[in-house]
Protein backbone atom coordinates (compact mmCIF):
# COMPACT_ATOMS: atom_id res chain seq x y z
CA UNK A 1 68.35 114.92 118.38
CA UNK A 2 67.38 118.13 120.58
CA UNK A 3 69.07 120.46 118.11
CA UNK A 4 66.65 123.28 116.16
CA UNK A 5 65.37 122.08 112.95
CA UNK A 6 67.40 124.83 111.29
CA UNK A 7 70.63 123.66 112.85
CA UNK A 8 70.12 119.73 111.87
CA UNK A 9 68.95 121.25 108.32
CA UNK A 10 72.54 123.18 108.14
CA UNK A 11 74.45 120.00 109.38
CA UNK A 12 72.61 117.99 106.47
CA UNK A 13 73.57 120.62 103.94
CA UNK A 14 77.10 120.80 104.99
CA UNK A 15 77.52 117.17 105.38
CA UNK A 16 76.18 116.31 101.88
CA UNK A 17 78.15 119.26 100.39
CA UNK A 18 81.53 117.83 101.96
CA UNK A 19 80.63 114.18 100.92
CA UNK A 20 80.04 115.07 97.22
CA UNK A 21 83.23 117.46 97.36
CA UNK A 22 84.98 114.37 98.61
CA UNK A 23 83.57 112.33 95.85
CA UNK A 24 84.07 114.29 93.05
CA UNK A 25 87.46 115.75 94.01
CA UNK A 26 89.05 112.81 94.56
CA UNK A 27 87.64 111.50 91.31
CA UNK A 28 89.21 114.34 89.65
CA UNK A 29 92.33 114.02 91.25
CA UNK A 30 92.79 110.50 90.45
CA UNK A 31 92.30 111.09 86.82
CA UNK A 32 94.97 113.71 86.73
CA UNK A 33 97.43 111.41 88.61
CA UNK A 34 96.86 108.19 86.81
CA UNK A 35 95.20 106.61 83.57
CA UNK A 36 94.54 103.43 85.27
CA UNK A 37 90.97 103.38 85.90
CA UNK A 38 91.03 100.47 88.39
CA UNK A 39 93.55 102.74 90.35
CA UNK A 40 91.42 105.73 90.01
CA UNK A 41 88.56 103.80 91.26
CA UNK A 42 90.53 102.72 94.35
CA UNK A 43 91.40 106.41 95.05
CA UNK A 44 87.86 107.39 94.75
CA UNK A 45 86.48 104.80 97.01
CA UNK A 46 89.22 105.23 99.54
CA UNK A 47 88.59 109.05 99.88
CA UNK A 48 84.88 108.52 100.16
CA UNK A 49 85.57 105.88 102.86
CA UNK A 50 87.53 108.05 105.06
CA UNK A 51 85.74 111.40 104.39
CA UNK A 52 82.22 109.63 104.97
CA UNK A 53 83.22 108.32 108.21
CA UNK A 54 84.53 111.44 109.38
CA UNK A 55 81.41 113.01 108.36
CA UNK A 56 79.25 110.69 110.47
CA UNK A 57 81.33 111.14 113.47
CA UNK A 58 81.08 114.80 113.12
CA UNK A 59 77.57 115.47 112.10
CA UNK A 60 75.78 112.51 113.68
CA UNK A 61 75.02 114.17 117.21
CA UNK A 62 73.41 117.09 115.33
CA UNK A 63 71.23 115.68 112.63
CA UNK A 64 71.71 111.99 112.63
CA UNK A 65 74.15 112.48 109.71
CA UNK A 66 71.84 111.03 107.16
CA UNK A 67 73.24 113.04 103.91
CA UNK A 68 70.87 111.14 101.99
CA UNK A 69 67.17 111.24 101.17
CA UNK A 70 66.18 107.57 101.07
CA UNK A 71 67.64 107.34 104.79
CA UNK A 72 65.67 110.50 105.74
CA UNK A 73 62.66 108.87 104.30
CA UNK A 74 63.31 105.57 105.74
CA UNK A 75 63.83 107.02 109.25
CA UNK A 76 60.30 108.53 109.03
CA UNK A 77 58.52 105.58 107.80
CA UNK A 78 59.71 103.70 110.70
CA UNK A 79 59.60 106.24 113.48
CA UNK A 80 56.46 108.18 112.50
CA UNK A 81 54.27 106.85 115.03
CA UNK A 82 56.71 107.23 117.99
CA UNK A 83 56.92 110.56 119.87
CA UNK A 84 60.82 111.20 119.08
CA UNK A 85 60.72 110.02 115.32
CA UNK A 86 60.96 112.34 112.33
CA UNK A 87 57.94 114.48 111.43
CA UNK A 88 57.12 115.24 107.94
CA UNK A 89 58.35 119.02 108.74
CA UNK A 90 61.99 117.38 109.45
CA UNK A 91 61.78 115.47 106.11
CA UNK A 92 60.56 118.84 104.20
CA UNK A 93 63.70 120.39 105.78
CA UNK A 94 66.26 117.60 105.41
CA UNK A 95 65.56 116.61 101.79
CA UNK A 96 66.03 120.06 100.16
CA UNK A 97 69.31 120.74 102.37
CA UNK A 98 70.71 117.46 101.39
CA UNK A 99 70.07 118.05 97.62
CA UNK A 100 71.17 121.66 97.76
CA UNK A 101 74.33 120.97 99.84
CA UNK A 102 75.04 117.99 97.38
CA UNK A 103 74.78 120.37 94.23
CA UNK A 104 77.04 122.95 95.80
CA UNK A 105 79.55 120.34 96.77
CA UNK A 106 79.87 119.13 93.11
CA UNK A 107 80.32 122.80 92.28
CA UNK A 108 82.73 123.38 94.82
CA UNK A 109 84.98 120.22 93.61
CA UNK A 110 85.00 121.55 90.37
CA UNK A 111 85.94 124.88 91.40
CA UNK A 112 88.97 123.44 93.36
CA UNK A 113 90.29 121.91 90.34
CA UNK A 114 89.93 124.63 87.83
CA UNK A 115 86.91 122.79 86.19
CA UNK A 116 83.81 124.51 84.76
CA UNK A 117 81.71 125.26 87.76
CA UNK A 118 78.64 123.51 86.13
CA UNK A 119 78.80 121.16 83.27
CA UNK A 120 76.40 118.34 82.81
CA UNK A 121 77.97 115.03 82.72
CA UNK A 122 78.22 112.79 79.52
CA UNK A 123 78.96 109.73 81.68
CA UNK A 124 75.99 107.68 80.49
CA UNK A 125 74.96 105.07 83.18
CA UNK A 126 71.58 103.77 81.83
CA UNK A 127 71.32 100.18 81.90
CA UNK A 128 69.39 97.38 83.67
CA UNK A 129 72.30 95.67 85.39
CA UNK A 130 73.17 99.14 87.08
CA UNK A 131 69.91 99.85 88.10
CA UNK A 132 70.17 96.43 89.79
CA UNK A 133 73.34 97.64 91.44
CA UNK A 134 71.75 100.58 92.82
CA UNK A 135 68.83 98.64 94.12
CA UNK A 136 71.33 96.21 95.96
CA UNK A 137 73.54 98.84 97.19
CA UNK A 138 70.47 100.94 98.67
CA UNK A 139 68.94 98.02 100.45
CA UNK A 140 72.07 96.85 101.96
CA UNK A 141 72.68 100.49 102.97
CA UNK A 142 69.25 100.71 104.46
CA UNK A 143 69.38 97.26 106.32
CA UNK A 144 72.65 98.24 107.81
CA UNK A 145 71.75 101.42 109.23
CA UNK A 146 68.41 100.10 110.69
CA UNK A 147 69.96 96.98 111.74
CA UNK A 148 72.55 98.64 113.72
CA UNK A 149 69.98 100.83 115.42
CA UNK A 150 67.53 97.92 116.27
CA UNK A 151 70.57 96.09 117.81
CA UNK A 152 71.79 98.74 119.96
CA UNK A 153 74.90 99.33 117.99
CA UNK A 154 74.40 102.54 116.16
CA UNK A 155 77.48 103.84 117.32
CA UNK A 156 79.19 101.91 115.21
CA UNK A 157 77.88 103.53 112.19
CA UNK A 158 80.89 105.83 111.11
CA UNK A 159 82.84 102.76 110.46
CA UNK A 160 80.11 100.52 109.45
CA UNK A 161 78.33 102.70 107.09
CA UNK A 162 81.81 104.01 105.45
CA UNK A 163 83.15 100.64 105.26
CA UNK A 164 80.18 99.36 103.48
CA UNK A 165 80.01 102.05 101.04
CA UNK A 166 83.64 101.68 100.28
CA UNK A 167 82.89 97.74 99.65
CA UNK A 168 79.85 98.45 97.43
CA UNK A 169 81.84 100.98 95.06
CA UNK A 170 83.65 97.44 94.33
CA UNK A 171 80.89 94.79 94.52
CA UNK A 172 77.93 96.59 92.72
CA UNK A 173 77.80 97.53 88.99
CA UNK A 174 76.87 101.03 89.72
CA UNK A 175 79.66 101.56 92.13
CA UNK A 176 77.06 102.46 94.65
CA UNK A 177 75.35 105.90 94.70
CA UNK A 178 72.64 104.80 96.89
CA UNK A 179 71.57 108.50 97.35
CA UNK A 180 69.20 110.36 95.41
CA UNK A 181 70.87 113.97 96.26
CA UNK A 182 74.30 112.66 95.47
CA UNK A 183 73.01 111.21 92.10
CA UNK A 184 71.40 114.44 91.21
CA UNK A 185 74.50 116.56 92.39
CA UNK A 186 77.02 114.18 90.30
CA UNK A 187 74.96 115.10 87.08
CA UNK A 188 76.36 118.84 87.48
CA UNK A 189 80.16 117.79 86.77
CA UNK A 190 81.38 116.20 83.77
CA UNK A 191 84.15 114.29 85.64
CA UNK A 192 85.02 110.80 86.38
CA UNK A 193 82.29 110.47 89.13
CA UNK A 194 79.69 112.23 87.19
CA UNK A 195 76.28 110.68 85.65
CA UNK A 196 74.67 111.84 82.60
CA UNK A 197 71.34 113.58 83.71
CA UNK A 198 69.39 111.03 81.51
CA UNK A 199 70.50 108.53 83.71
CA UNK A 200 69.61 110.33 87.15
CA UNK A 201 65.89 109.11 87.05
CA UNK A 202 65.97 105.38 86.70
CA UNK A 203 69.06 105.34 89.22
CA UNK A 204 66.75 107.20 91.78
CA UNK A 205 63.57 105.12 90.90
CA UNK A 206 66.25 101.87 91.87
CA UNK A 207 67.20 103.60 95.17
CA UNK A 208 63.70 104.06 96.06
CA UNK A 209 63.10 100.35 95.44
CA UNK A 210 66.14 99.55 97.40
CA UNK A 211 64.72 101.27 100.63
CA UNK A 212 61.65 99.21 100.25
CA UNK A 213 63.55 95.91 100.16
CA UNK A 214 65.94 97.10 102.86
CA UNK A 215 63.08 98.18 105.11
CA UNK A 216 61.48 94.82 104.39
CA UNK A 217 64.77 92.96 105.38
CA UNK A 218 65.05 94.86 108.46
CA UNK A 219 61.47 93.63 109.48
CA UNK A 220 62.06 90.29 108.78
CA UNK A 221 65.51 89.98 110.18
CA UNK A 222 65.40 92.21 113.34
CA UNK A 223 62.99 92.49 116.21
CA UNK A 224 61.59 95.85 117.29
CA UNK A 225 64.24 97.86 119.53
CA UNK A 226 63.99 97.92 123.07
CA UNK A 227 64.46 100.95 124.98
CA UNK A 228 68.02 101.93 125.51
CA UNK A 229 69.21 101.64 129.18
CA UNK A 230 70.40 104.70 131.16
CA UNK A 231 73.74 103.17 131.52
CA UNK A 232 74.35 103.32 127.65
CA UNK A 233 74.22 106.90 127.06
CA UNK A 234 77.11 108.31 125.37
CA UNK A 235 79.56 110.23 127.92
CA UNK A 236 80.01 113.63 127.65
CA UNK A 237 81.84 115.08 124.59
CA UNK A 238 81.13 111.48 122.68
CA UNK A 239 79.00 111.65 119.49
CA UNK A 240 75.59 110.35 119.73
CA UNK A 241 74.31 107.61 117.49
CA UNK A 242 74.57 108.38 114.16
CA UNK A 243 71.86 106.15 112.83
CA UNK A 244 68.21 107.94 113.07
CA UNK A 245 67.30 108.10 116.80
CA UNK A 246 63.60 106.98 115.97
CA UNK A 247 64.69 103.42 115.03
């Protein structure tokens, strides 16, 4: 990624804002259209799949399309000894941009549906089985992103990551937040996708634990990446790999 840090941070902020707007907005729309909770979750998950895939494809060539502090931290941890890896300065710019953008996305979604712009969520998600779900969801996400990078298939990230998150909506008890910035932002909206502020801390702790598990699995399953051949460079106009380039 050769874009200036300010441009990359802006891409992370915009992508995170759009992602949360999709998650929260589709949740509000679903609850206004049907009282069936299963249909509400289906609508919410489908919108997230399509939205996330588009956003990764759009911003991947600028910032790597992390939109997620745990992905940024994992990219720094795995690439800090390489010349082109993320630096602490990058991390210090990415994470606030992701978090601020995500909160802005939640406020925007509420505004579009004439809801209070900021209303703390009353949706309690404080339970051990939900924290386990977050650990599993986050570990799987890290394994997928960095596994793709190590096997030279990071160009599949828009489809693969979006598909995984869509599936994790359904197979994890927590509906797969797997993202500290999104978790914080969803506390600002008392709607279908919200999470009570008291539930945020344990969710983030479980996500951080998931990063550790995911990186251990990556190290155990995949070999170190090999240099990419010149012939595999994307054609002009084709998005660069959406997974962190430091893998």
